[in-house]
């Protein structure tokens, strides 16, 4: 049986660090001093220092505009149509920059399949066709768009790429995970959604999957749908952008749910036998919950916590940032487990091994 491998992973973020700007802006939205103090404590404990966005931050986010381009003006945040126009303008360039870092060169013409994941924008002709033109791919490349699956979409894309390579051993699959979460900032006063916006950022990952025995072998995928959790994470299209709801109950649900499905996720292995962990850093409390639910040592999630610290949560792209780090650190034969969470509440998981 052909063994599909993630041969290379490249990552890219926009140039504008917006984390401190958002914190200063968000606290001005909260009218009640006690709630504002709670927000300040949560921001300080977020374990995030940097988050990047396509918009340069305003010099004074406590003034009229949040960003220097004056897209987000107090009381006049953009419509969904405007946000989608901005996605169409900015997404192709960031995605093409990530693909360029793969250094495909003449190999670009050998790409047989292109898979794109995103849950933060849509247009047609879409990002897939823009990448064909910008990256020198064959016009006949087979294209698949995976949309609106949230943070776990990258693992579904890898799962699909594995099926492709196993059925067509000569296939070379380019996977692109692109999210512009900053497009969906909302002007709200409630603490829970503001804490959700505290973690999200823009970013893109590109990876090459083939039968070449280089990188990380994709050994097994498993999806776990945690019962009675469907309302904890939602993502809805509304008139003023896409509205995220991320319940404060998510970490507890993850900790409890993983305790019951760990054996299935690890295919009967013990968590202590896994040398490398690539867990999607949905937030500090999410990583704490995974650590608790699987009984992991503190070192196990260092790669995930480092990505959270440096980039925040870039939805589907984030787990690929973690996998890129793990790929560089792992030694030949190391076993690993990748894991992402999203609407459902669903845990998508992958067992892998360093080639």
C-alpha atoms as a PDB file:
ATOM      1  CA  UNK A   1       0.000   0.000   0.000  1.00  0.00           C
ATOM      2  CA  UNK A   2       1.278   3.477  -0.927  1.00  0.00           C
ATOM      3  CA  UNK A   3       2.192   5.536   2.143  1.00  0.00           C
ATOM      4  CA  UNK A   4       1.245   9.210   1.693  1.00  0.00           C
ATOM      5  CA  UNK A   5       3.546  11.754   3.360  1.00  0.00           C
ATOM      6  CA  UNK A   6       3.417  15.445   4.140  1.00  0.00           C
ATOM      7  CA  UNK A   7       6.720  16.283   2.445  1.00  0.00           C
ATOM      8  CA  UNK A   8       6.964  19.997   3.211  1.00  0.00           C
ATOM      9  CA  UNK A   9       5.025  22.705   5.061  1.00  0.00           C
ATOM     10  CA  UNK A  10       5.430  26.467   4.586  1.00  0.00           C
ATOM     11  CA  UNK A  11       3.704  29.174   6.604  1.00  0.00           C
ATOM     12  CA  UNK A  12       3.034  32.875   6.150  1.00  0.00           C
ATOM     13  CA  UNK A  13       1.342  35.678   8.087  1.00  0.00           C
ATOM     14  CA  UNK A  14       0.604  39.311   7.098  1.00  0.00           C
ATOM     15  CA  UNK A  15       3.068  41.984   8.279  1.00  0.00           C
ATOM     16  CA  UNK A  16       0.880  43.801  10.809  1.00  0.00           C
ATOM     17  CA  UNK A  17       0.993  42.774  14.494  1.00  0.00           C
ATOM     18  CA  UNK A  18      -2.395  43.773  15.912  1.00  0.00           C
ATOM     19  CA  UNK A  19      -2.667  42.019  19.268  1.00  0.00           C
ATOM     20  CA  UNK A  20      -2.029  44.985  21.553  1.00  0.00           C
ATOM     21  CA  UNK A  21      -4.164  47.232  19.331  1.00  0.00           C
ATOM     22  CA  UNK A  22      -7.116  44.879  19.681  1.00  0.00           C
ATOM     23  CA  UNK A  23      -6.739  44.630  23.447  1.00  0.00           C
ATOM     24  CA  UNK A  24      -6.780  48.425  23.749  1.00  0.00           C
ATOM     25  CA  UNK A  25      -9.779  48.702  21.412  1.00  0.00           C
ATOM     26  CA  UNK A  26     -11.810  45.904  22.987  1.00  0.00           C
ATOM     27  CA  UNK A  27     -11.598  47.196  26.535  1.00  0.00           C
ATOM     28  CA  UNK A  28     -13.104  50.529  25.406  1.00  0.00           C
ATOM     29  CA  UNK A  29     -16.243  48.667  24.315  1.00  0.00           C
ATOM     30  CA  UNK A  30     -16.955  47.355  27.820  1.00  0.00           C
ATOM     31  CA  UNK A  31     -18.956  49.918  29.819  1.00  0.00           C
ATOM     32  CA  UNK A  32     -18.930  48.139  33.181  1.00  0.00           C
ATOM     33  CA  UNK A  33     -15.647  48.548  35.142  1.00  0.00           C
ATOM     34  CA  UNK A  34     -15.803  45.125  36.807  1.00  0.00           C
ATOM     35  CA  UNK A  35     -16.285  43.363  33.456  1.00  0.00           C
ATOM     36  CA  UNK A  36     -13.495  45.460  31.949  1.00  0.00           C
ATOM     37  CA  UNK A  37     -11.172  44.377  34.761  1.00  0.00           C
ATOM     38  CA  UNK A  38     -12.076  40.735  34.070  1.00  0.00           C
ATOM     39  CA  UNK A  39     -11.292  41.226  30.378  1.00  0.00           C
ATOM     40  CA  UNK A  40      -7.913  42.713  31.326  1.00  0.00           C
ATOM     41  CA  UNK A  41      -7.117  39.667  33.473  1.00  0.00           C
ATOM     42  CA  UNK A  42      -8.125  37.253  30.727  1.00  0.00           C
ATOM     43  CA  UNK A  43      -6.066  39.156  28.144  1.00  0.00           C
ATOM     44  CA  UNK A  44      -3.031  39.016  30.428  1.00  0.00           C
ATOM     45  CA  UNK A  45      -3.493  35.242  30.875  1.00  0.00           C
ATOM     46  CA  UNK A  46      -4.127  34.497  27.167  1.00  0.00           C
ATOM     47  CA  UNK A  47      -0.500  33.428  26.542  1.00  0.00           C
ATOM     48  CA  UNK A  48      -0.606  35.390  23.268  1.00  0.00           C
ATOM     49  CA  UNK A  49       1.948  38.104  22.521  1.00  0.00           C
ATOM     50  CA  UNK A  50       1.499  38.526  18.763  1.00  0.00           C
ATOM     51  CA  UNK A  51      -1.319  38.227  16.247  1.00  0.00           C
ATOM     52  CA  UNK A  52      -1.137  39.355  12.642  1.00  0.00           C
ATOM     53  CA  UNK A  53      -3.720  40.877  10.297  1.00  0.00           C
ATOM     54  CA  UNK A  54      -3.977  42.220   6.756  1.00  0.00           C
ATOM     55  CA  UNK A  55      -4.815  45.696   8.140  1.00  0.00           C
ATOM     56  CA  UNK A  56      -2.219  47.987   9.732  1.00  0.00           C
ATOM     57  CA  UNK A  57      -3.361  48.958  13.246  1.00  0.00           C
ATOM     58  CA  UNK A  58      -4.446  52.490  14.092  1.00  0.00           C
ATOM     59  CA  UNK A  59      -1.968  54.561  16.065  1.00  0.00           C
ATOM     60  CA  UNK A  60      -4.742  55.278  18.567  1.00  0.00           C
ATOM     61  CA  UNK A  61      -7.229  52.364  18.682  1.00  0.00           C
ATOM     62  CA  UNK A  62      -9.121  54.177  21.409  1.00  0.00           C
ATOM     63  CA  UNK A  63     -10.067  56.820  18.844  1.00  0.00           C
ATOM     64  CA  UNK A  64     -12.488  56.680  15.908  1.00  0.00           C
ATOM     65  CA  UNK A  65     -10.773  53.974  13.842  1.00  0.00           C
ATOM     66  CA  UNK A  66      -9.412  50.564  14.838  1.00  0.00           C
ATOM     67  CA  UNK A  67      -7.160  50.233  11.768  1.00  0.00           C
ATOM     68  CA  UNK A  68      -5.019  52.697   9.864  1.00  0.00           C
ATOM     69  CA  UNK A  69      -6.949  52.076   6.631  1.00  0.00           C
ATOM     70  CA  UNK A  70     -10.162  53.130   8.408  1.00  0.00           C
ATOM     71  CA  UNK A  71     -12.128  50.026   7.432  1.00  0.00           C
ATOM     72  CA  UNK A  72     -13.331  49.631  11.008  1.00  0.00           C
ATOM     73  CA  UNK A  73     -14.837  52.892  12.234  1.00  0.00           C
ATOM     74  CA  UNK A  74     -16.729  52.987  15.503  1.00  0.00           C
ATOM     75  CA  UNK A  75     -20.432  52.666  14.787  1.00  0.00           C
ATOM     76  CA  UNK A  76     -19.740  51.987  11.093  1.00  0.00           C
ATOM     77  CA  UNK A  77     -18.219  48.543  10.808  1.00  0.00           C
ATOM     78  CA  UNK A  78     -18.335  47.145   7.231  1.00  0.00           C
ATOM     79  CA  UNK A  79     -21.061  44.999   5.706  1.00  0.00           C
ATOM     80  CA  UNK A  80     -20.583  41.366   4.736  1.00  0.00           C
ATOM     81  CA  UNK A  81     -20.289  42.446   1.078  1.00  0.00           C
ATOM     82  CA  UNK A  82     -17.399  44.803   1.888  1.00  0.00           C
ATOM     83  CA  UNK A  83     -15.670  42.147   3.966  1.00  0.00           C
ATOM     84  CA  UNK A  84     -15.915  39.643   1.093  1.00  0.00           C
ATOM     85  CA  UNK A  85     -14.476  42.202  -1.329  1.00  0.00           C
ATOM     86  CA  UNK A  86     -11.533  42.607   1.043  1.00  0.00           C
ATOM     87  CA  UNK A  87     -11.119  38.825   1.232  1.00  0.00           C
ATOM     88  CA  UNK A  88     -10.994  38.646  -2.570  1.00  0.00           C
ATOM     89  CA  UNK A  89      -8.399  41.433  -2.613  1.00  0.00           C
ATOM     90  CA  UNK A  90      -6.042  40.138   0.096  1.00  0.00           C
ATOM     91  CA  UNK A  91      -6.414  36.334   0.237  1.00  0.00           C
ATOM     92  CA  UNK A  92      -4.729  35.400  -3.082  1.00  0.00           C
ATOM     93  CA  UNK A  93      -1.527  37.316  -2.333  1.00  0.00           C
ATOM     94  CA  UNK A  94      -1.072  35.809   1.142  1.00  0.00           C
ATOM     95  CA  UNK A  95      -1.818  32.307  -0.146  1.00  0.00           C
ATOM     96  CA  UNK A  96       0.606  32.697  -3.050  1.00  0.00           C
ATOM     97  CA  UNK A  97       3.340  33.884  -0.639  1.00  0.00           C
ATOM     98  CA  UNK A  98       2.883  30.727   1.445  1.00  0.00           C
ATOM     99  CA  UNK A  99       3.051  28.498  -1.639  1.00  0.00           C
ATOM    100  CA  UNK A 100       6.182  30.344  -2.823  1.00  0.00           C
ATOM    101  CA  UNK A 101       7.905  29.384   0.443  1.00  0.00           C
ATOM    102  CA  UNK A 102       7.513  25.715  -0.552  1.00  0.00           C
ATOM    103  CA  UNK A 103      10.024  26.491  -3.331  1.00  0.00           C
ATOM    104  CA  UNK A 104       8.287  24.230  -5.831  1.00  0.00           C
ATOM    105  CA  UNK A 105      10.065  25.726  -8.851  1.00  0.00           C
ATOM    106  CA  UNK A 106       9.555  23.542 -11.921  1.00  0.00           C
ATOM    107  CA  UNK A 107       7.804  21.063  -9.621  1.00  0.00           C
ATOM    108  CA  UNK A 108       4.729  23.325  -9.687  1.00  0.00           C
ATOM    109  CA  UNK A 109       3.711  21.924 -13.070  1.00  0.00           C
ATOM    110  CA  UNK A 110       3.759  18.427 -11.556  1.00  0.00           C
ATOM    111  CA  UNK A 111       1.063  19.278  -8.983  1.00  0.00           C
ATOM    112  CA  UNK A 112      -1.929  17.105  -9.850  1.00  0.00           C
ATOM    113  CA  UNK A 113      -4.374  18.213  -7.143  1.00  0.00           C
ATOM    114  CA  UNK A 114      -5.056  21.437  -5.252  1.00  0.00           C
ATOM    115  CA  UNK A 115      -7.064  21.492  -2.014  1.00  0.00           C
ATOM    116  CA  UNK A 116      -7.956  24.831  -0.395  1.00  0.00           C
ATOM    117  CA  UNK A 117      -9.556  25.305   3.017  1.00  0.00           C
ATOM    118  CA  UNK A 118     -11.049  28.529   4.309  1.00  0.00           C
ATOM    119  CA  UNK A 119     -13.993  29.547   6.470  1.00  0.00           C
ATOM    120  CA  UNK A 120     -13.473  33.326   6.404  1.00  0.00           C
ATOM    121  CA  UNK A 121     -14.327  34.263   2.822  1.00  0.00           C
ATOM    122  CA  UNK A 122     -15.740  33.171  -0.498  1.00  0.00           C
ATOM    123  CA  UNK A 123     -15.942  34.357  -4.103  1.00  0.00           C
ATOM    124  CA  UNK A 124     -16.006  32.791  -7.558  1.00  0.00           C
ATOM    125  CA  UNK A 125     -13.961  32.302  -9.648  1.00  0.00           C
ATOM    126  CA  UNK A 126     -12.274  31.545  -6.377  1.00  0.00           C
ATOM    127  CA  UNK A 127      -9.015  31.342  -4.488  1.00  0.00           C
ATOM    128  CA  UNK A 128      -8.249  27.980  -6.108  1.00  0.00           C
ATOM    129  CA  UNK A 129      -8.179  29.457  -9.612  1.00  0.00           C
ATOM    130  CA  UNK A 130      -6.234  32.499  -8.420  1.00  0.00           C
ATOM    131  CA  UNK A 131      -3.573  30.109  -7.087  1.00  0.00           C
ATOM    132  CA  UNK A 132      -3.435  28.213 -10.388  1.00  0.00           C
ATOM    133  CA  UNK A 133      -2.598  31.483 -12.157  1.00  0.00           C
ATOM    134  CA  UNK A 134      -0.268  32.960  -9.509  1.00  0.00           C
ATOM    135  CA  UNK A 135       1.690  29.796  -8.719  1.00  0.00           C
ATOM    136  CA  UNK A 136       2.184  28.407 -12.210  1.00  0.00           C
ATOM    137  CA  UNK A 137       0.059  25.309 -11.675  1.00  0.00           C
ATOM    138  CA  UNK A 138      -1.283  23.288 -14.586  1.00  0.00           C
ATOM    139  CA  UNK A 139      -4.681  24.569 -15.790  1.00  0.00           C
ATOM    140  CA  UNK A 140      -5.893  20.961 -15.613  1.00  0.00           C
ATOM    141  CA  UNK A 141      -5.016  20.518 -11.922  1.00  0.00           C
ATOM    142  CA  UNK A 142      -7.881  18.911  -9.998  1.00  0.00           C
ATOM    143  CA  UNK A 143      -9.263  21.459  -7.522  1.00  0.00           C
ATOM    144  CA  UNK A 144     -11.260  21.013  -4.299  1.00  0.00           C
ATOM    145  CA  UNK A 145     -12.497  23.753  -1.967  1.00  0.00           C
ATOM    146  CA  UNK A 146     -13.266  22.820   1.657  1.00  0.00           C
ATOM    147  CA  UNK A 147     -15.299  25.607   3.217  1.00  0.00           C
ATOM    148  CA  UNK A 148     -16.819  26.612   6.534  1.00  0.00           C
ATOM    149  CA  UNK A 149     -15.508  23.714   8.597  1.00  0.00           C
ATOM    150  CA  UNK A 150     -13.615  26.002  10.960  1.00  0.00           C
ATOM    151  CA  UNK A 151     -10.417  25.138  12.789  1.00  0.00           C
ATOM    152  CA  UNK A 152     -10.348  21.424  11.953  1.00  0.00           C
ATOM    153  CA  UNK A 153     -10.576  21.851   8.158  1.00  0.00           C
ATOM    154  CA  UNK A 154      -6.828  21.361   7.604  1.00  0.00           C
ATOM    155  CA  UNK A 155      -6.949  17.808   8.941  1.00  0.00           C
ATOM    156  CA  UNK A 156      -9.895  17.059   6.664  1.00  0.00           C
ATOM    157  CA  UNK A 157      -7.831  18.391   3.756  1.00  0.00           C
ATOM    158  CA  UNK A 158      -4.919  16.143   4.735  1.00  0.00           C
ATOM    159  CA  UNK A 159      -7.330  13.223   5.039  1.00  0.00           C
ATOM    160  CA  UNK A 160      -8.554  13.883   1.489  1.00  0.00           C
ATOM    161  CA  UNK A 161      -4.989  14.216   0.196  1.00  0.00           C
ATOM    162  CA  UNK A 162      -4.174  10.854   1.760  1.00  0.00           C
ATOM    163  CA  UNK A 163      -7.093   9.230  -0.089  1.00  0.00           C
ATOM    164  CA  UNK A 164      -5.917  10.803  -3.352  1.00  0.00           C
ATOM    165  CA  UNK A 165      -2.320   9.598  -3.042  1.00  0.00           C
ATOM    166  CA  UNK A 166      -3.352   6.103  -1.951  1.00  0.00           C
ATOM    167  CA  UNK A 167      -5.645   5.764  -4.977  1.00  0.00           C
ATOM    168  CA  UNK A 168      -3.236   7.483  -7.401  1.00  0.00           C
ATOM    169  CA  UNK A 169       0.350   6.854  -6.206  1.00  0.00           C
ATOM    170  CA  UNK A 170       1.840   9.369  -8.649  1.00  0.00           C
ATOM    171  CA  UNK A 171      -0.340  12.222  -7.362  1.00  0.00           C
ATOM    172  CA  UNK A 172       1.245  15.341  -5.917  1.00  0.00           C
ATOM    173  CA  UNK A 173      -1.211  17.326  -3.817  1.00  0.00           C
ATOM    174  CA  UNK A 174      -0.843  20.978  -2.871  1.00  0.00           C
ATOM    175  CA  UNK A 175      -2.852  21.821   0.268  1.00  0.00           C
ATOM    176  CA  UNK A 176      -3.468  25.488   1.162  1.00  0.00           C
ATOM    177  CA  UNK A 177      -5.122  26.616   4.414  1.00  0.00           C
ATOM    178  CA  UNK A 178      -5.941  30.330   4.309  1.00  0.00           C
ATOM    179  CA  UNK A 179      -7.856  32.332   6.925  1.00  0.00           C
ATOM    180  CA  UNK A 180      -8.419  36.086   7.314  1.00  0.00           C
ATOM    181  CA  UNK A 181     -10.155  36.068  10.678  1.00  0.00           C
ATOM    182  CA  UNK A 182      -9.604  39.822  11.089  1.00  0.00           C
ATOM    183  CA  UNK A 183     -12.288  40.424   8.456  1.00  0.00           C
ATOM    184  CA  UNK A 184     -14.966  39.426  10.939  1.00  0.00           C
ATOM    185  CA  UNK A 185     -14.263  41.730  13.851  1.00  0.00           C
ATOM    186  CA  UNK A 186     -17.501  42.860  15.508  1.00  0.00           C
ATOM    187  CA  UNK A 187     -18.244  45.869  17.698  1.00  0.00           C
ATOM    188  CA  UNK A 188     -19.837  44.175  20.703  1.00  0.00           C
ATOM    189  CA  UNK A 189     -19.971  44.824  24.427  1.00  0.00           C
ATOM    190  CA  UNK A 190     -20.482  41.278  25.717  1.00  0.00           C
ATOM    191  CA  UNK A 191     -17.451  39.679  27.353  1.00  0.00           C
ATOM    192  CA  UNK A 192     -17.699  36.197  25.781  1.00  0.00           C
ATOM    193  CA  UNK A 193     -17.473  37.268  22.114  1.00  0.00           C
ATOM    194  CA  UNK A 194     -14.751  39.789  22.943  1.00  0.00           C
ATOM    195  CA  UNK A 195     -12.725  36.989  24.509  1.00  0.00           C
ATOM    196  CA  UNK A 196     -13.244  34.984  21.304  1.00  0.00           C
ATOM    197  CA  UNK A 197     -11.843  37.842  19.200  1.00  0.00           C
ATOM    198  CA  UNK A 198      -8.916  38.014  21.607  1.00  0.00           C
ATOM    199  CA  UNK A 199      -7.385  34.863  20.078  1.00  0.00           C
ATOM    200  CA  UNK A 200      -8.136  34.982  16.325  1.00  0.00           C
ATOM    201  CA  UNK A 201      -5.705  36.149  13.642  1.00  0.00           C
ATOM    202  CA  UNK A 202      -4.810  35.901   9.946  1.00  0.00           C
ATOM    203  CA  UNK A 203      -2.450  33.329   8.455  1.00  0.00           C
ATOM    204  CA  UNK A 204      -1.813  30.775   5.735  1.00  0.00           C
ATOM    205  CA  UNK A 205      -0.098  27.406   5.458  1.00  0.00           C
ATOM    206  CA  UNK A 206       0.833  25.477   2.320  1.00  0.00           C
ATOM    207  CA  UNK A 207       1.945  21.868   2.200  1.00  0.00           C
ATOM    208  CA  UNK A 208       2.960  19.270  -0.346  1.00  0.00           C
ATOM    209  CA  UNK A 209       1.627  15.716  -0.010  1.00  0.00           C
ATOM    210  CA  UNK A 210       2.877  12.794  -2.087  1.00  0.00           C
ATOM    211  CA  UNK A 211       4.075   9.198  -1.884  1.00  0.00           C
ATOM    212  CA  UNK A 212       7.699  10.351  -1.514  1.00  0.00           C
ATOM    213  CA  UNK A 213       8.898   8.903   1.833  1.00  0.00           C
ATOM    214  CA  UNK A 214       9.999  12.292   3.175  1.00  0.00           C
ATOM    215  CA  UNK A 215       8.538  14.317   6.064  1.00  0.00           C
ATOM    216  CA  UNK A 216       5.599  12.958   8.033  1.00  0.00           C
ATOM    217  CA  UNK A 217       3.723   9.786   7.125  1.00  0.00           C
ATOM    218  CA  UNK A 218      -0.034  10.083   7.624  1.00  0.00           C
ATOM    219  CA  UNK A 219      -0.863   6.786   9.300  1.00  0.00           C
ATOM    220  CA  UNK A 220      -4.427   7.100  10.555  1.00  0.00           C
ATOM    221  CA  UNK A 221      -7.287   9.609  10.846  1.00  0.00           C
ATOM    222  CA  UNK A 222     -10.108   9.552  13.363  1.00  0.00           C
ATOM    223  CA  UNK A 223     -13.021  11.947  13.930  1.00  0.00           C
ATOM    224  CA  UNK A 224     -14.662  12.188  17.348  1.00  0.00           C
ATOM    225  CA  UNK A 225     -17.989  13.987  17.689  1.00  0.00           C
ATOM    226  CA  UNK A 226     -18.434  14.956  21.331  1.00  0.00           C
ATOM    227  CA  UNK A 227     -22.063  14.440  22.427  1.00  0.00           C
ATOM    228  CA  UNK A 228     -24.374  17.310  23.423  1.00  0.00           C
ATOM    229  CA  UNK A 229     -21.910  20.027  22.402  1.00  0.00           C
ATOM    230  CA  UNK A 230     -23.396  21.287  19.128  1.00  0.00           C
ATOM    231  CA  UNK A 231     -24.153  24.762  20.466  1.00  0.00           C
ATOM    232  CA  UNK A 232     -20.693  25.450  21.952  1.00  0.00           C
ATOM    233  CA  UNK A 233     -19.027  26.605  18.720  1.00  0.00           C
ATOM    234  CA  UNK A 234     -21.040  28.270  15.949  1.00  0.00           C
ATOM    235  CA  UNK A 235     -20.109  30.293  12.858  1.00  0.00           C
ATOM    236  CA  UNK A 236     -22.965  32.127  11.119  1.00  0.00           C
ATOM    237  CA  UNK A 237     -23.139  34.415   8.067  1.00  0.00           C
ATOM    238  CA  UNK A 238     -24.850  37.667   9.054  1.00  0.00           C
ATOM    239  CA  UNK A 239     -25.346  41.101   7.504  1.00  0.00           C
ATOM    240  CA  UNK A 240     -22.244  42.528   9.196  1.00  0.00           C
ATOM    241  CA  UNK A 241     -19.807  39.696   8.586  1.00  0.00           C
ATOM    242  CA  UNK A 242     -19.558  36.185   9.971  1.00  0.00           C
ATOM    243  CA  UNK A 243     -20.448  35.891  13.638  1.00  0.00           C
ATOM    244  CA  UNK A 244     -18.432  33.521  15.817  1.00  0.00           C
ATOM    245  CA  UNK A 245     -19.743  32.123  19.059  1.00  0.00           C
ATOM    246  CA  UNK A 246     -17.160  30.308  21.155  1.00  0.00           C
ATOM    247  CA  UNK A 247     -18.640  29.253  24.472  1.00  0.00           C
ATOM    248  CA  UNK A 248     -16.638  29.398  27.667  1.00  0.00           C
ATOM    249  CA  UNK A 249     -17.789  25.806  28.150  1.00  0.00           C
ATOM    250  CA  UNK A 250     -15.612  24.502  25.293  1.00  0.00           C
ATOM    251  CA  UNK A 251     -12.508  23.643  27.385  1.00  0.00           C
ATOM    252  CA  UNK A 252     -14.499  21.639  29.941  1.00  0.00           C
ATOM    253  CA  UNK A 253     -16.316  19.780  27.140  1.00  0.00           C
ATOM    254  CA  UNK A 254     -12.988  18.935  25.493  1.00  0.00           C
ATOM    255  CA  UNK A 255     -11.403  17.714  28.726  1.00  0.00           C
ATOM    256  CA  UNK A 256     -14.398  15.515  29.510  1.00  0.00           C
ATOM    257  CA  UNK A 257     -14.904  14.312  25.928  1.00  0.00           C
ATOM    258  CA  UNK A 258     -11.275  13.375  25.251  1.00  0.00           C
ATOM    259  CA  UNK A 259     -11.158  11.251  28.360  1.00  0.00           C
ATOM    260  CA  UNK A 260     -13.794   9.011  26.777  1.00  0.00           C
ATOM    261  CA  UNK A 261     -12.396   8.775  23.223  1.00  0.00           C
ATOM    262  CA  UNK A 262      -8.627   8.769  23.786  1.00  0.00           C
ATOM    263  CA  UNK A 263      -8.324   5.032  23.089  1.00  0.00           C
ATOM    264  CA  UNK A 264     -10.031   5.405  19.696  1.00  0.00           C
ATOM    265  CA  UNK A 265      -8.006   8.496  18.748  1.00  0.00           C
ATOM    266  CA  UNK A 266      -4.707   6.801  19.599  1.00  0.00           C
ATOM    267  CA  UNK A 267      -5.717   3.458  18.049  1.00  0.00           C
ATOM    268  CA  UNK A 268      -5.260   1.679  21.366  1.00  0.00           C
ATOM    269  CA  UNK A 269      -1.899   3.230  22.195  1.00  0.00           C
ATOM    270  CA  UNK A 270      -1.166   5.051  25.452  1.00  0.00           C
ATOM    271  CA  UNK A 271      -0.649   8.821  25.341  1.00  0.00           C
ATOM    272  CA  UNK A 272       2.790   8.319  26.894  1.00  0.00           C
ATOM    273  CA  UNK A 273       3.928   6.389  23.804  1.00  0.00           C
ATOM    274  CA  UNK A 274       3.387   9.439  21.561  1.00  0.00           C
ATOM    275  CA  UNK A 275       6.595  11.459  21.219  1.00  0.00           C
ATOM    276  CA  UNK A 276       5.186  14.434  19.279  1.00  0.00           C
ATOM    277  CA  UNK A 277       1.923  16.323  19.717  1.00  0.00           C
ATOM    278  CA  UNK A 278       0.522  18.834  17.216  1.00  0.00           C
ATOM    279  CA  UNK A 279      -2.641  20.134  18.891  1.00  0.00           C
ATOM    280  CA  UNK A 280      -4.515  23.092  17.445  1.00  0.00           C
ATOM    281  CA  UNK A 281      -4.069  25.960  19.931  1.00  0.00           C
ATOM    282  CA  UNK A 282      -7.636  27.229  20.046  1.00  0.00           C
ATOM    283  CA  UNK A 283      -6.639  29.165  23.146  1.00  0.00           C
ATOM    284  CA  UNK A 284      -4.710  28.654  26.371  1.00  0.00           C
ATOM    285  CA  UNK A 285      -7.665  27.029  28.120  1.00  0.00           C
ATOM    286  CA  UNK A 286      -8.201  24.653  25.173  1.00  0.00           C
ATOM    287  CA  UNK A 287      -4.592  23.438  25.415  1.00  0.00           C
ATOM    288  CA  UNK A 288      -4.958  23.074  29.175  1.00  0.00           C
ATOM    289  CA  UNK A 289      -8.097  20.982  28.573  1.00  0.00           C
ATOM    290  CA  UNK A 290      -6.304  18.673  26.092  1.00  0.00           C
ATOM    291  CA  UNK A 291      -3.452  18.264  28.555  1.00  0.00           C
ATOM    292  CA  UNK A 292      -5.935  17.303  31.253  1.00  0.00           C
ATOM    293  CA  UNK A 293      -8.173  15.111  29.080  1.00  0.00           C
ATOM    294  CA  UNK A 294      -5.298  13.033  27.710  1.00  0.00           C
ATOM    295  CA  UNK A 295      -3.145  13.119  30.846  1.00  0.00           C
ATOM    296  CA  UNK A 296      -0.189  14.699  29.042  1.00  0.00           C
ATOM    297  CA  UNK A 297       3.043  15.958  30.515  1.00  0.00           C
ATOM    298  CA  UNK A 298       3.592  19.731  30.373  1.00  0.00           C
ATOM    299  CA  UNK A 299       6.280  19.419  27.647  1.00  0.00           C
ATOM    300  CA  UNK A 300       3.933  17.653  25.235  1.00  0.00           C
ATOM    301  CA  UNK A 301       2.186  20.795  23.980  1.00  0.00           C
ATOM    302  CA  UNK A 302       5.205  23.104  23.815  1.00  0.00           C
ATOM    303  CA  UNK A 303       4.957  23.438  20.013  1.00  0.00           C
ATOM    304  CA  UNK A 304       1.271  24.340  20.249  1.00  0.00           C
ATOM    305  CA  UNK A 305       1.829  26.895  23.012  1.00  0.00           C
ATOM    306  CA  UNK A 306       4.673  28.470  21.048  1.00  0.00           C
ATOM    307  CA  UNK A 307       2.446  28.936  17.972  1.00  0.00           C
ATOM    308  CA  UNK A 308      -0.315  30.412  20.157  1.00  0.00           C
ATOM    309  CA  UNK A 309       2.189  32.840  21.675  1.00  0.00           C
ATOM    310  CA  UNK A 310       3.621  33.971  18.336  1.00  0.00           C
ATOM    311  CA  UNK A 311       0.567  33.905  16.060  1.00  0.00           C
ATOM    312  CA  UNK A 312      -2.679  33.327  17.962  1.00  0.00           C
ATOM    313  CA  UNK A 313      -5.455  31.169  16.490  1.00  0.00           C
ATOM    314  CA  UNK A 314      -5.553  31.332  12.667  1.00  0.00           C
ATOM    315  CA  UNK A 315      -8.428  28.852  12.402  1.00  0.00           C
ATOM    316  CA  UNK A 316      -7.680  26.076   9.865  1.00  0.00           C
ATOM    317  CA  UNK A 317      -4.086  27.191   9.213  1.00  0.00           C
ATOM    318  CA  UNK A 318      -2.982  26.942  12.841  1.00  0.00           C
ATOM    319  CA  UNK A 319      -2.488  23.198  13.233  1.00  0.00           C
ATOM    320  CA  UNK A 320      -0.278  23.277  10.138  1.00  0.00           C
ATOM    321  CA  UNK A 321       1.962  25.876  11.832  1.00  0.00           C
ATOM    322  CA  UNK A 322       2.273  23.425  14.730  1.00  0.00           C
ATOM    323  CA  UNK A 323       2.950  20.484  12.396  1.00  0.00           C
ATOM    324  CA  UNK A 324       5.655  22.514  10.643  1.00  0.00           C
ATOM    325  CA  UNK A 325       7.368  23.049  13.986  1.00  0.00           C
ATOM    326  CA  UNK A 326       7.004  19.384  14.943  1.00  0.00           C
ATOM    327  CA  UNK A 327       8.370  18.257  11.572  1.00  0.00           C
ATOM    328  CA  UNK A 328      11.542  20.251  12.202  1.00  0.00           C
ATOM    329  CA  UNK A 329      11.977  18.956  15.751  1.00  0.00           C
ATOM    330  CA  UNK A 330      11.051  15.278  15.298  1.00  0.00           C
ATOM    331  CA  UNK A 331      13.598  12.517  14.905  1.00  0.00           C
ATOM    332  CA  UNK A 332      13.249   9.615  12.491  1.00  0.00           C
ATOM    333  CA  UNK A 333      10.626   7.149  13.715  1.00  0.00           C
ATOM    334  CA  UNK A 334       8.992   9.510  16.233  1.00  0.00           C
ATOM    335  CA  UNK A 335       5.241   8.865  16.531  1.00  0.00           C
ATOM    336  CA  UNK A 336       2.902  11.819  16.682  1.00  0.00           C
ATOM    337  CA  UNK A 337      -0.717  12.861  17.040  1.00  0.00           C
ATOM    338  CA  UNK A 338      -2.287  15.950  15.448  1.00  0.00           C
ATOM    339  CA  UNK A 339      -5.630  17.239  16.692  1.00  0.00           C
ATOM    340  CA  UNK A 340      -8.000  20.105  15.881  1.00  0.00           C
ATOM    341  CA  UNK A 341     -11.397  21.134  17.237  1.00  0.00           C
ATOM    342  CA  UNK A 342     -14.329  22.876  15.623  1.00  0.00           C
ATOM    343  CA  UNK A 343     -18.109  23.113  15.239  1.00  0.00           C
ATOM    344  CA  UNK A 344     -19.887  19.961  16.281  1.00  0.00           C
ATOM    345  CA  UNK A 345     -18.102  19.931  18.784  1.00  0.00           C
ATOM    346  CA  UNK A 346     -15.751  17.764  16.723  1.00  0.00           C
ATOM    347  CA  UNK A 347     -12.184  16.608  17.246  1.00  0.00           C
ATOM    348  CA  UNK A 348     -10.402  15.686  14.003  1.00  0.00           C
ATOM    349  CA  UNK A 349      -7.219  13.722  14.645  1.00  0.00           C
ATOM    350  CA  UNK A 350      -4.284  12.238  12.744  1.00  0.00           C
ATOM    351  CA  UNK A 351      -1.581   9.794  13.802  1.00  0.00           C
ATOM    352  CA  UNK A 352       1.728  10.357  12.011  1.00  0.00           C
ATOM    353  CA  UNK A 353       5.346   9.284  12.081  1.00  0.00           C
ATOM    354  CA  UNK A 354       8.574  11.072  11.085  1.00  0.00           C
ATOM    355  CA  UNK A 355       9.969   9.400   7.976  1.00  0.00           C
END
